[in-house]
Protein backbone atom coordinates (compact mmCIF):
# COMPACT_ATOMS: atom_id res chain seq x y z
CA MET A 1 87.43 80.23 -10.48
CA VAL A 2 89.57 82.38 -8.29
CA GLN A 3 92.32 80.55 -6.42
CA MET A 4 91.98 80.85 -2.64
CA ALA A 5 95.17 82.42 -1.33
CA PHE A 6 94.35 81.47 2.24
CA CYS A 7 91.07 80.60 3.86
CA ASN A 8 90.79 80.73 7.61
CA HIS A 9 87.95 79.74 9.91
CA GLN A 10 86.30 83.16 9.63
CA ASP A 11 86.33 82.96 5.82
CA LEU A 12 84.61 79.57 6.01
CA LEU A 13 81.98 80.97 8.38
CA ASP A 14 81.45 83.89 6.01
CA LEU A 15 80.85 81.54 3.08
CA LYS A 16 78.44 79.45 5.15
CA LYS A 17 76.53 82.58 6.13
CA GLN A 18 76.31 83.69 2.50
CA VAL A 19 74.91 80.32 1.44
CA ALA A 20 72.51 80.12 4.40
CA THR A 21 71.11 83.62 3.84
CA GLY A 22 71.42 83.79 0.06
CA THR A 23 73.17 87.13 0.49
CA PHE A 24 76.20 87.29 -1.78
CA ASP A 25 78.50 90.16 -2.76
CA LYS A 26 76.99 92.50 -5.29
CA GLU A 27 78.83 93.05 -8.52
CA PRO A 28 80.46 96.48 -8.42
CA LEU A 29 79.68 99.15 -10.95
CA PRO A 30 81.75 99.22 -14.15
CA PHE A 31 85.15 100.86 -13.71
CA ASN A 32 84.20 104.11 -15.44
CA GLU A 33 81.28 104.62 -13.00
CA ARG A 34 83.31 103.98 -9.83
CA LYS A 35 85.15 107.29 -9.79
CA GLY A 36 82.09 109.33 -8.81
CA SER A 37 81.88 108.65 -5.10
CA VAL A 38 83.92 107.31 -2.23
CA GLU A 39 81.20 104.71 -1.56
CA ARG A 40 81.49 103.31 -5.09
CA GLN A 41 85.27 103.18 -4.88
CA LEU A 42 85.09 101.42 -1.51
CA GLU A 43 82.53 98.93 -2.83
CA ALA A 44 84.80 98.06 -5.76
CA PHE A 45 87.85 97.75 -3.49
CA THR A 46 86.02 95.49 -1.03
CA TYR A 47 84.72 93.31 -3.88
CA GLU A 48 88.23 92.86 -5.26
CA GLU A 49 89.79 92.17 -1.84
CA ARG A 50 87.16 89.53 -1.04
CA GLN A 51 87.81 88.04 -4.48
CA LYS A 52 91.52 87.68 -3.61
CA LEU A 53 90.62 85.89 -0.37
CA GLY A 54 88.41 83.46 -2.25
CA VAL A 55 85.19 84.35 -0.42
CA ASN A 56 83.55 86.36 -3.20
CA VAL A 57 81.08 83.91 -4.70
CA THR A 58 79.72 86.52 -7.11
CA ALA A 59 83.18 87.09 -8.62
CA ASP A 60 83.57 83.34 -9.12
CA ALA A 61 80.16 83.10 -10.79
CA ILE A 62 80.97 85.95 -13.17
CA ALA A 63 84.34 84.39 -14.03
CA LEU A 64 82.75 80.98 -14.62
CA LEU A 65 80.05 82.40 -16.87
CA ARG A 66 82.56 84.44 -18.87
CA ARG A 67 84.96 81.49 -19.23
CA HIS A 68 82.23 79.32 -20.71
CA ASN A 69 80.52 82.17 -22.59
CA ILE A 70 77.22 81.55 -20.79
CA LYS A 71 74.65 84.32 -20.43
CA ILE A 72 72.33 84.27 -17.43
CA ASP A 73 70.04 87.14 -16.52
CA LYS A 74 71.08 88.21 -13.04
CA LYS A 75 67.42 88.87 -12.21
CA SER A 76 66.37 85.32 -13.10
CA ASP A 77 65.79 82.50 -10.61
CA THR A 78 68.76 80.66 -12.11
CA TYR A 79 71.38 83.20 -11.02
CA PRO A 80 70.83 82.84 -7.23
CA GLN A 81 70.84 79.06 -7.72
CA LEU A 82 74.23 79.34 -9.42
CA LEU A 83 75.59 81.49 -6.59
CA ASN A 84 74.32 78.99 -4.04
CA ALA A 85 75.86 76.03 -5.88
CA ILE A 86 79.23 77.78 -6.16
CA GLY A 87 79.12 78.77 -2.49
CA ARG A 88 78.38 75.20 -1.39
CA ALA A 89 81.16 73.85 -3.62
CA LYS A 90 83.65 76.32 -2.14
CA ILE A 91 82.64 75.28 1.38
CA ARG A 92 83.20 71.60 0.54
CA ALA A 93 86.57 72.43 -1.02
CA ILE A 94 87.71 74.45 2.01
CA GLN A 95 86.63 71.71 4.38
CA ALA A 96 88.51 69.12 2.31
CA ILE A 97 91.64 71.31 2.29
CA GLN A 98 91.42 71.77 6.04
CA SER A 99 91.00 68.03 6.57
CA ARG A 100 93.96 67.27 4.33
CA ASN A 101 96.09 69.84 6.16
CA GLU A 102 95.19 68.14 9.45
CA GLY A 103 96.49 64.83 8.08
CA ASP A 104 93.19 63.22 7.12
CA HIS A 105 92.86 61.30 3.87
CA VAL A 106 90.83 63.28 1.35
CA ALA A 107 89.80 61.89 -2.02
CA THR A 108 91.33 63.98 -4.77
CA PRO A 109 89.22 64.39 -7.91
CA HIS A 110 90.82 63.42 -11.21
CA ARG A 111 91.42 66.20 -13.73
């Protein structure tokens, strides 16, 4: 998954809203189809910027599926469940990082 460069309170709220509403970033069009309109270019740029911040759950899902060579139809019921699970995991991770940064003891998973 994408490493979170920095996640502030607003980023956490954004992730919580995505999970609560089930509304995640849409995957942008393939690169060769982006050049046609300003809207498509902006959509791709926004997707990539949100990916850098660590709040793009869709980008994480795509990376995870590619890494493990798993194919899931994006129109299936399984895909939104995957997005939701990744979003919830990211929220837990951010909250644990914030707690640790505030001096609280946080259990660290073994690798």
